[in-house]
Amino acid sequence: ISWSGGSTYYADSVKGRFTISRDNAKNTMYLQMNS
């Protein structure tokens, strides 16, 4: 995920199942992994 959160990139193997996000106020990044 880019510094602004405006761009995200995924490997084909995880696309549609994983979601990356960030909370700059908490200095934390997340990876939600489903299926």
PDB file of all heavy atoms in Angstrom:
ATOM      1  N   ILE A   1       0.856  -1.175   0.000  1.00  0.00           N
ATOM      2  CA  ILE A   1       0.000   0.000   0.000  1.00  0.00           C
ATOM      3  C   ILE A   1       0.897   1.232   0.000  1.00  0.00           C
ATOM      4  O   ILE A   1       1.926   1.272   0.684  1.00  0.00           O
ATOM      5  CB  ILE A   1      -0.950  -0.025   1.220  1.00  0.00           C
ATOM      6  CG1 ILE A   1      -1.968   1.114   1.159  1.00  0.00           C
ATOM      7  CG2 ILE A   1      -0.174  -0.017   2.536  1.00  0.00           C
ATOM      8  CD1 ILE A   1      -3.121   0.936   2.142  1.00  0.00           C
ATOM      9  N   SER A   2       0.519   2.221  -0.782  1.00  0.00           N
ATOM     10  CA  SER A   2       1.325   3.435  -0.859  1.00  0.00           C
ATOM     11  C   SER A   2       1.197   4.245   0.430  1.00  0.00           C
ATOM     12  O   SER A   2       0.312   4.008   1.251  1.00  0.00           O
ATOM     13  CB  SER A   2       0.886   4.269  -2.056  1.00  0.00           C
ATOM     14  OG  SER A   2      -0.471   4.671  -1.893  1.00  0.00           O
ATOM     15  N   TRP A   3       2.077   5.245   0.573  1.00  0.00           N
ATOM     16  CA  TRP A   3       2.111   6.023   1.804  1.00  0.00           C
ATOM     17  C   TRP A   3       0.782   6.707   2.096  1.00  0.00           C
ATOM     18  O   TRP A   3       0.373   6.826   3.255  1.00  0.00           O
ATOM     19  CB  TRP A   3       3.230   7.063   1.734  1.00  0.00           C
ATOM     20  CG  TRP A   3       3.031   8.079   0.644  1.00  0.00           C
ATOM     21  CD1 TRP A   3       3.451   7.999  -0.651  1.00  0.00           C
ATOM     22  CD2 TRP A   3       2.323   9.322   0.754  1.00  0.00           C
ATOM     23  NE1 TRP A   3       3.052   9.106  -1.349  1.00  0.00           N
ATOM     24  CE2 TRP A   3       2.372   9.940  -0.512  1.00  0.00           C
ATOM     25  CE3 TRP A   3       1.665   9.978   1.802  1.00  0.00           C
ATOM     26  CZ2 TRP A   3       1.783  11.180  -0.763  1.00  0.00           C
ATOM     27  CZ3 TRP A   3       1.090  11.215   1.555  1.00  0.00           C
ATOM     28  CH2 TRP A   3       1.147  11.791   0.278  1.00  0.00           C
ATOM     29  N   SER A   4       0.073   7.102   1.055  1.00  0.00           N
ATOM     30  CA  SER A   4      -1.206   7.788   1.237  1.00  0.00           C
ATOM     31  C   SER A   4      -2.373   6.820   1.388  1.00  0.00           C
ATOM     32  O   SER A   4      -3.472   7.226   1.766  1.00  0.00           O
ATOM     33  CB  SER A   4      -1.475   8.683   0.027  1.00  0.00           C
ATOM     34  OG  SER A   4      -1.676   7.877  -1.129  1.00  0.00           O
ATOM     35  N   GLY A   5      -2.132   5.564   1.063  1.00  0.00           N
ATOM     36  CA  GLY A   5      -3.229   4.601   1.014  1.00  0.00           C
ATOM     37  C   GLY A   5      -3.985   4.629  -0.292  1.00  0.00           C
ATOM     38  O   GLY A   5      -4.922   3.853  -0.488  1.00  0.00           O
ATOM     39  N   GLY A   6      -3.567   5.499  -1.197  1.00  0.00           N
ATOM     40  CA  GLY A   6      -4.300   5.662  -2.441  1.00  0.00           C
ATOM     41  C   GLY A   6      -4.069   4.563  -3.460  1.00  0.00           C
ATOM     42  O   GLY A   6      -4.870   4.390  -4.382  1.00  0.00           O
ATOM     43  N   SER A   7      -2.972   3.842  -3.312  1.00  0.00           N
ATOM     44  CA  SER A   7      -2.669   2.754  -4.253  1.00  0.00           C
ATOM     45  C   SER A   7      -2.404   1.483  -3.476  1.00  0.00           C
ATOM     46  O   SER A   7      -1.708   1.507  -2.458  1.00  0.00           O
ATOM     47  CB  SER A   7      -1.433   3.089  -5.093  1.00  0.00           C
ATOM     48  OG  SER A   7      -1.656   4.217  -5.892  1.00  0.00           O
ATOM     49  N   THR A   8      -2.954   0.398  -3.965  1.00  0.00           N
ATOM     50  CA  THR A   8      -2.698  -0.913  -3.379  1.00  0.00           C
ATOM     51  C   THR A   8      -2.300  -1.889  -4.480  1.00  0.00           C
ATOM     52  O   THR A   8      -2.695  -1.724  -5.651  1.00  0.00           O
ATOM     53  CB  THR A   8      -3.921  -1.469  -2.633  1.00  0.00           C
ATOM     54  OG1 THR A   8      -5.042  -1.509  -3.531  1.00  0.00           O
ATOM     55  CG2 THR A   8      -4.271  -0.608  -1.425  1.00  0.00           C
ATOM     56  N   TYR A   9      -1.525  -2.863  -4.105  1.00  0.00           N
ATOM     57  CA  TYR A   9      -1.005  -3.850  -5.054  1.00  0.00           C
ATOM     58  C   TYR A   9      -1.112  -5.232  -4.419  1.00  0.00           C
ATOM     59  O   TYR A   9      -0.859  -5.389  -3.223  1.00  0.00           O
ATOM     60  CB  TYR A   9       0.462  -3.560  -5.381  1.00  0.00           C
ATOM     61  CG  TYR A   9       0.703  -2.178  -5.915  1.00  0.00           C
ATOM     62  CD1 TYR A   9       0.945  -1.113  -5.062  1.00  0.00           C
ATOM     63  CD2 TYR A   9       0.675  -1.917  -7.281  1.00  0.00           C
ATOM     64  CE1 TYR A   9       1.151   0.173  -5.540  1.00  0.00           C
ATOM     65  CE2 TYR A   9       0.888  -0.648  -7.779  1.00  0.00           C
ATOM     66  CZ  TYR A   9       1.128   0.400  -6.902  1.00  0.00           C
ATOM     67  OH  TYR A   9       1.339   1.663  -7.396  1.00  0.00           O
ATOM     68  N   TYR A  10      -1.467  -6.204  -5.225  1.00  0.00           N
ATOM     69  CA  TYR A  10      -1.629  -7.571  -4.731  1.00  0.00           C
ATOM     70  C   TYR A  10      -1.007  -8.564  -5.700  1.00  0.00           C
ATOM     71  O   TYR A  10      -1.120  -8.425  -6.917  1.00  0.00           O
ATOM     72  CB  TYR A  10      -3.113  -7.921  -4.583  1.00  0.00           C
ATOM     73  CG  TYR A  10      -3.846  -7.088  -3.568  1.00  0.00           C
ATOM     74  CD1 TYR A  10      -4.542  -5.944  -3.946  1.00  0.00           C
ATOM     75  CD2 TYR A  10      -3.826  -7.424  -2.216  1.00  0.00           C
ATOM     76  CE1 TYR A  10      -5.215  -5.163  -3.013  1.00  0.00           C
ATOM     77  CE2 TYR A  10      -4.496  -6.654  -1.270  1.00  0.00           C
ATOM     78  CZ  TYR A  10      -5.180  -5.526  -1.677  1.00  0.00           C
ATOM     79  OH  TYR A  10      -5.837  -4.760  -0.753  1.00  0.00           O
ATOM     80  N   ALA A  11      -0.397  -9.590  -5.129  1.00  0.00           N
ATOM     81  CA  ALA A  11       0.029 -10.710  -5.947  1.00  0.00           C
ATOM     82  C   ALA A  11      -1.219 -11.444  -6.439  1.00  0.00           C
ATOM     83  O   ALA A  11      -2.254 -11.459  -5.760  1.00  0.00           O
ATOM     84  CB  ALA A  11       0.900 -11.660  -5.126  1.00  0.00           C
ATOM     85  N   ASP A  12      -1.115 -12.043  -7.612  1.00  0.00           N
ATOM     86  CA  ASP A  12      -2.269 -12.757  -8.166  1.00  0.00           C
ATOM     87  C   ASP A  12      -2.777 -13.843  -7.220  1.00  0.00           C
ATOM     88  O   ASP A  12      -3.975 -14.118  -7.161  1.00  0.00           O
ATOM     89  CB  ASP A  12      -1.900 -13.395  -9.510  1.00  0.00           C
ATOM     90  CG  ASP A  12      -1.785 -12.363 -10.622  1.00  0.00           C
ATOM     91  OD1 ASP A  12      -2.292 -11.224 -10.441  1.00  0.00           O
ATOM     92  OD2 ASP A  12      -1.198 -12.692 -11.660  1.00  0.00           O
ATOM     93  N   SER A  13      -1.872 -14.443  -6.483  1.00  0.00           N
ATOM     94  CA  SER A  13      -2.227 -15.563  -5.610  1.00  0.00           C
ATOM     95  C   SER A  13      -3.124 -15.149  -4.441  1.00  0.00           C
ATOM     96  O   SER A  13      -3.787 -16.002  -3.838  1.00  0.00           O
ATOM     97  CB  SER A  13      -0.966 -16.238  -5.074  1.00  0.00           C
ATOM     98  OG  SER A  13      -0.158 -15.303  -4.383  1.00  0.00           O
ATOM     99  N   VAL A  14      -3.153 -13.853  -4.117  1.00  0.00           N
ATOM    100  CA  VAL A  14      -3.953 -13.407  -2.972  1.00  0.00           C
ATOM    101  C   VAL A  14      -5.060 -12.430  -3.379  1.00  0.00           C
ATOM    102  O   VAL A  14      -5.922 -12.094  -2.552  1.00  0.00           O
ATOM    103  CB  VAL A  14      -3.078 -12.752  -1.881  1.00  0.00           C
ATOM    104  CG1 VAL A  14      -1.917 -13.665  -1.501  1.00  0.00           C
ATOM    105  CG2 VAL A  14      -2.560 -11.383  -2.315  1.00  0.00           C
ATOM    106  N   LYS A  15      -5.042 -11.986  -4.622  1.00  0.00           N
ATOM    107  CA  LYS A  15      -6.011 -10.993  -5.087  1.00  0.00           C
ATOM    108  C   LYS A  15      -7.433 -11.517  -4.908  1.00  0.00           C
ATOM    109  O   LYS A  15      -7.730 -12.669  -5.233  1.00  0.00           O
ATOM    110  CB  LYS A  15      -5.736 -10.676  -6.558  1.00  0.00           C
ATOM    111  CG  LYS A  15      -6.302  -9.370  -7.031  1.00  0.00           C
ATOM    112  CD  LYS A  15      -5.867  -9.076  -8.454  1.00  0.00           C
ATOM    113  CE  LYS A  15      -4.382  -8.836  -8.558  1.00  0.00           C
ATOM    114  NZ  LYS A  15      -3.937  -8.509  -9.930  1.00  0.00           N
ATOM    115  N   GLY A  16      -8.284 -10.666  -4.368  1.00  0.00           N
ATOM    116  CA  GLY A  16      -9.675 -11.054  -4.140  1.00  0.00           C
ATOM    117  C   GLY A  16      -9.923 -11.714  -2.796  1.00  0.00           C
ATOM    118  O   GLY A  16     -11.070 -11.865  -2.377  1.00  0.00           O
ATOM    119  N   ARG A  17      -8.846 -12.109  -2.120  1.00  0.00           N
ATOM    120  CA  ARG A  17      -8.988 -12.754  -0.799  1.00  0.00           C
ATOM    121  C   ARG A  17      -8.356 -11.924   0.313  1.00  0.00           C
ATOM    122  O   ARG A  17      -8.843 -11.955   1.448  1.00  0.00           O
ATOM    123  CB  ARG A  17      -8.335 -14.139  -0.817  1.00  0.00           C
ATOM    124  CG  ARG A  17      -8.931 -15.085  -1.851  1.00  0.00           C
ATOM    125  CD  ARG A  17      -8.327 -16.486  -1.724  1.00  0.00           C
ATOM    126  NE  ARG A  17      -6.884 -16.499  -1.954  1.00  0.00           N
ATOM    127  CZ  ARG A  17      -5.987 -16.913  -1.059  1.00  0.00           C
ATOM    128  NH1 ARG A  17      -6.379 -17.342   0.127  1.00  0.00           N
ATOM    129  NH2 ARG A  17      -4.694 -16.913  -1.356  1.00  0.00           N
ATOM    130  N   PHE A  18      -7.287 -11.221   0.009  1.00  0.00           N
ATOM    131  CA  PHE A  18      -6.580 -10.405   0.996  1.00  0.00           C
ATOM    132  C   PHE A  18      -6.862  -8.928   0.745  1.00  0.00           C
ATOM    133  O   PHE A  18      -6.986  -8.495  -0.408  1.00  0.00           O
ATOM    134  CB  PHE A  18      -5.077 -10.630   0.906  1.00  0.00           C
ATOM    135  CG  PHE A  18      -4.591 -11.985   1.339  1.00  0.00           C
ATOM    136  CD1 PHE A  18      -5.471 -13.031   1.602  1.00  0.00           C
ATOM    137  CD2 PHE A  18      -3.233 -12.220   1.491  1.00  0.00           C
ATOM    138  CE1 PHE A  18      -5.017 -14.271   2.000  1.00  0.00           C
ATOM    139  CE2 PHE A  18      -2.752 -13.457   1.888  1.00  0.00           C
ATOM    140  CZ  PHE A  18      -3.649 -14.491   2.136  1.00  0.00           C
ATOM    141  N   THR A  19      -6.902  -8.164   1.823  1.00  0.00           N
ATOM    142  CA  THR A  19      -7.073  -6.720   1.722  1.00  0.00           C
ATOM    143  C   THR A  19      -6.058  -6.032   2.613  1.00  0.00           C
ATOM    144  O   THR A  19      -6.001  -6.306   3.818  1.00  0.00           O
ATOM    145  CB  THR A  19      -8.485  -6.297   2.135  1.00  0.00           C
ATOM    146  OG1 THR A  19      -9.446  -6.969   1.319  1.00  0.00           O
ATOM    147  CG2 THR A  19      -8.656  -4.785   1.963  1.00  0.00           C
ATOM    148  N   ILE A  20      -5.276  -5.148   2.023  1.00  0.00           N
ATOM    149  CA  ILE A  20      -4.287  -4.394   2.793  1.00  0.00           C
ATOM    150  C   ILE A  20      -4.854  -3.020   3.106  1.00  0.00           C
ATOM    151  O   ILE A  20      -5.585  -2.429   2.290  1.00  0.00           O
ATOM    152  CB  ILE A  20      -2.956  -4.286   2.009  1.00  0.00           C
ATOM    153  CG1 ILE A  20      -1.849  -3.738   2.898  1.00  0.00           C
ATOM    154  CG2 ILE A  20      -3.114  -3.450   0.743  1.00  0.00           C
ATOM    155  CD1 ILE A  20      -0.451  -3.836   2.271  1.00  0.00           C
ATOM    156  N   SER A  21      -4.532  -2.523   4.301  1.00  0.00           N
ATOM    157  CA  SER A  21      -4.998  -1.196   4.688  1.00  0.00           C
ATOM    158  C   SER A  21      -4.013  -0.619   5.691  1.00  0.00           C
ATOM    159  O   SER A  21      -3.114  -1.318   6.168  1.00  0.00           O
ATOM    160  CB  SER A  21      -6.405  -1.258   5.288  1.00  0.00           C
ATOM    161  OG  SER A  21      -6.414  -2.053   6.463  1.00  0.00           O
ATOM    162  N   ARG A  22      -4.189   0.674   5.995  1.00  0.00           N
ATOM    163  CA  ARG A  22      -3.312   1.316   6.960  1.00  0.00           C
ATOM    164  C   ARG A  22      -4.066   2.379   7.718  1.00  0.00           C
ATOM    165  O   ARG A  22      -5.036   2.954   7.206  1.00  0.00           O
ATOM    166  CB  ARG A  22      -2.094   1.919   6.266  1.00  0.00           C
ATOM    167  CG  ARG A  22      -2.398   3.046   5.297  1.00  0.00           C
ATOM    168  CD  ARG A  22      -1.162   3.424   4.482  1.00  0.00           C
ATOM    169  NE  ARG A  22      -0.099   3.942   5.337  1.00  0.00           N
ATOM    170  CZ  ARG A  22       1.191   3.969   4.968  1.00  0.00           C
ATOM    171  NH1 ARG A  22       1.557   3.523   3.791  1.00  0.00           N
ATOM    172  NH2 ARG A  22       2.092   4.462   5.787  1.00  0.00           N
ATOM    173  N   ASP A  23      -3.596   2.617   8.925  1.00  0.00           N
ATOM    174  CA  ASP A  23      -4.148   3.685   9.765  1.00  0.00           C
ATOM    175  C   ASP A  23      -2.961   4.543  10.176  1.00  0.00           C
ATOM    176  O   ASP A  23      -2.214   4.186  11.101  1.00  0.00           O
ATOM    177  CB  ASP A  23      -4.860   3.088  10.971  1.00  0.00           C
ATOM    178  CG  ASP A  23      -5.547   4.150  11.822  1.00  0.00           C
ATOM    179  OD1 ASP A  23      -5.169   5.327  11.727  1.00  0.00           O
ATOM    180  OD2 ASP A  23      -6.451   3.799  12.585  1.00  0.00           O
ATOM    181  N   ASN A  24      -2.772   5.646   9.493  1.00  0.00           N
ATOM    182  CA  ASN A  24      -1.602   6.483   9.760  1.00  0.00           C
ATOM    183  C   ASN A  24      -1.647   7.117  11.150  1.00  0.00           C
ATOM    184  O   ASN A  24      -0.607   7.418  11.725  1.00  0.00           O
ATOM    185  CB  ASN A  24      -1.453   7.547   8.683  1.00  0.00           C
ATOM    186  CG  ASN A  24      -0.945   6.961   7.373  1.00  0.00           C
ATOM    187  OD1 ASN A  24      -0.528   5.803   7.309  1.00  0.00           O
ATOM    188  ND2 ASN A  24      -0.986   7.754   6.312  1.00  0.00           N
ATOM    189  N   ALA A  25      -2.819   7.304  11.681  1.00  0.00           N
ATOM    190  CA  ALA A  25      -2.932   7.875  13.035  1.00  0.00           C
ATOM    191  C   ALA A  25      -2.427   6.881  14.089  1.00  0.00           C
ATOM    192  O   ALA A  25      -1.982   7.288  15.161  1.00  0.00           O
ATOM    193  CB  ALA A  25      -4.377   8.245  13.321  1.00  0.00           C
ATOM    194  N   LYS A  26      -2.489   5.592  13.769  1.00  0.00           N
ATOM    195  CA  LYS A  26      -2.046   4.559  14.716  1.00  0.00           C
ATOM    196  C   LYS A  26      -0.706   3.957  14.324  1.00  0.00           C
ATOM    197  O   LYS A  26      -0.231   3.021  14.963  1.00  0.00           O
ATOM    198  CB  LYS A  26      -3.094   3.445  14.806  1.00  0.00           C
ATOM    199  CG  LYS A  26      -4.415   3.890  15.393  1.00  0.00           C
ATOM    200  CD  LYS A  26      -5.379   2.725  15.515  1.00  0.00           C
ATOM    201  CE  LYS A  26      -6.688   3.156  16.146  1.00  0.00           C
ATOM    202  NZ  LYS A  26      -7.653   2.045  16.257  1.00  0.00           N
ATOM    203  N   ASN A  27      -0.102   4.471  13.243  1.00  0.00           N
ATOM    204  CA  ASN A  27       1.176   3.919  12.762  1.00  0.00           C
ATOM    205  C   ASN A  27       1.092   2.407  12.558  1.00  0.00           C
ATOM    206  O   ASN A  27       2.028   1.667  12.892  1.00  0.00           O
ATOM    207  CB  ASN A  27       2.310   4.241  13.750  1.00  0.00           C
ATOM    208  CG  ASN A  27       2.737   5.684  13.674  1.00  0.00           C
ATOM    209  OD1 ASN A  27       2.164   6.488  12.936  1.00  0.00           O
ATOM    210  ND2 ASN A  27       3.732   6.043  14.458  1.00  0.00           N
ATOM    211  N   THR A  28       0.002   1.966  11.996  1.00  0.00           N
ATOM    212  CA  THR A  28      -0.229   0.536  11.864  1.00  0.00           C
ATOM    213  C   THR A  28      -0.770   0.193  10.483  1.00  0.00           C
ATOM    214  O   THR A  28      -1.592   0.918   9.923  1.00  0.00           O
ATOM    215  CB  THR A  28      -1.213   0.041  12.944  1.00  0.00           C
ATOM    216  OG1 THR A  28      -0.697   0.367  14.239  1.00  0.00           O
ATOM    217  CG2 THR A  28      -1.410  -1.466  12.865  1.00  0.00           C
ATOM    218  N   MET A  29      -0.294  -0.924   9.966  1.00  0.00           N
ATOM    219  CA  MET A  29      -0.772  -1.466   8.702  1.00  0.00           C
ATOM    220  C   MET A  29      -1.444  -2.809   8.992  1.00  0.00           C
ATOM    221  O   MET A  29      -1.060  -3.492   9.954  1.00  0.00           O
ATOM    222  CB  MET A  29       0.403  -1.676   7.749  1.00  0.00           C
ATOM    223  CG  MET A  29       0.032  -2.405   6.477  1.00  0.00           C
ATOM    224  SD  MET A  29       1.442  -2.691   5.401  1.00  0.00           S
ATOM    225  CE  MET A  29       2.459  -3.789   6.361  1.00  0.00           C
ATOM    226  N   TYR A  30      -2.399  -3.174   8.150  1.00  0.00           N
ATOM    227  CA  TYR A  30      -3.137  -4.414   8.359  1.00  0.00           C
ATOM    228  C   TYR A  30      -3.169  -5.250   7.080  1.00  0.00           C
ATOM    229  O   TYR A  30      -3.064  -4.736   5.968  1.00  0.00           O
ATOM    230  CB  TYR A  30      -4.580  -4.108   8.768  1.00  0.00           C
ATOM    231  CG  TYR A  30      -4.689  -3.201   9.968  1.00  0.00           C
ATOM    232  CD1 TYR A  30      -4.886  -1.830   9.805  1.00  0.00           C
ATOM    233  CD2 TYR A  30      -4.572  -3.710  11.258  1.00  0.00           C
ATOM    234  CE1 TYR A  30      -4.979  -0.990  10.902  1.00  0.00           C
ATOM    235  CE2 TYR A  30      -4.666  -2.871  12.363  1.00  0.00           C
ATOM    236  CZ  TYR A  30      -4.870  -1.517  12.183  1.00  0.00           C
ATOM    237  OH  TYR A  30      -4.953  -0.688  13.272  1.00  0.00           O
ATOM    238  N   LEU A  31      -3.358  -6.545   7.277  1.00  0.00           N
ATOM    239  CA  LEU A  31      -3.633  -7.434   6.155  1.00  0.00           C
ATOM    240  C   LEU A  31      -4.772  -8.348   6.571  1.00  0.00           C
ATOM    241  O   LEU A  31      -4.590  -9.235   7.411  1.00  0.00           O
ATOM    242  CB  LEU A  31      -2.407  -8.260   5.776  1.00  0.00           C
ATOM    243  CG  LEU A  31      -2.580  -9.104   4.515  1.00  0.00           C
ATOM    244  CD1 LEU A  31      -2.711  -8.203   3.275  1.00  0.00           C
ATOM    245  CD2 LEU A  31      -1.410 -10.071   4.336  1.00  0.00           C
ATOM    246  N   GLN A  32      -5.943  -8.093   6.011  1.00  0.00           N
ATOM    247  CA  GLN A  32      -7.099  -8.950   6.253  1.00  0.00           C
ATOM    248  C   GLN A  32      -7.039 -10.109   5.260  1.00  0.00           C
ATOM    249  O   GLN A  32      -7.027  -9.886   4.045  1.00  0.00           O
ATOM    250  CB  GLN A  32      -8.396  -8.166   6.070  1.00  0.00           C
ATOM    251  CG  GLN A  32      -9.654  -8.994   6.261  1.00  0.00           C
ATOM    252  CD  GLN A  32      -9.824  -9.482   7.689  1.00  0.00           C
ATOM    253  OE1 GLN A  32      -9.618  -8.734   8.636  1.00  0.00           O
ATOM    254  NE2 GLN A  32     -10.206 -10.748   7.852  1.00  0.00           N
ATOM    255  N   MET A  33      -6.985 -11.312   5.790  1.00  0.00           N
ATOM    256  CA  MET A  33      -6.845 -12.493   4.951  1.00  0.00           C
ATOM    257  C   MET A  33      -8.091 -13.355   5.103  1.00  0.00           C
ATOM    258  O   MET A  33      -8.372 -13.861   6.199  1.00  0.00           O
ATOM    259  CB  MET A  33      -5.600 -13.287   5.353  1.00  0.00           C
ATOM    260  CG  MET A  33      -4.331 -12.451   5.355  1.00  0.00           C
ATOM    261  SD  MET A  33      -2.848 -13.433   5.642  1.00  0.00           S
ATOM    262  CE  MET A  33      -3.136 -13.986   7.302  1.00  0.00           C
ATOM    263  N   ASN A  34      -8.828 -13.504   4.028  1.00  0.00           N
ATOM    264  CA  ASN A  34     -10.043 -14.311   4.007  1.00  0.00           C
ATOM    265  C   ASN A  34      -9.880 -15.501   3.082  1.00  0.00           C
ATOM    266  O   ASN A  34      -8.963 -15.539   2.261  1.00  0.00           O
ATOM    267  CB  ASN A  34     -11.230 -13.457   3.543  1.00  0.00           C
ATOM    268  CG  ASN A  34     -11.516 -12.294   4.464  1.00  0.00           C
ATOM    269  OD1 ASN A  34     -11.275 -12.358   5.668  1.00  0.00           O
ATOM    270  ND2 ASN A  34     -12.021 -11.209   3.898  1.00  0.00           N
ATOM    271  N   SER A  35     -10.781 -16.465   3.222  1.00  0.00           N
ATOM    272  CA  SER A  35     -10.764 -17.666   2.363  1.00  0.00           C
ATOM    273  C   SER A  35      -9.359 -18.274   2.313  1.00  0.00           C
ATOM    274  O   SER A  35      -8.839 -18.582   1.234  1.00  0.00           O
ATOM    275  CB  SER A  35     -11.235 -17.301   0.953  1.00  0.00           C
ATOM    276  OG  SER A  35     -12.532 -16.751   0.980  1.00  0.00           O
TER     277      SER A  35
END
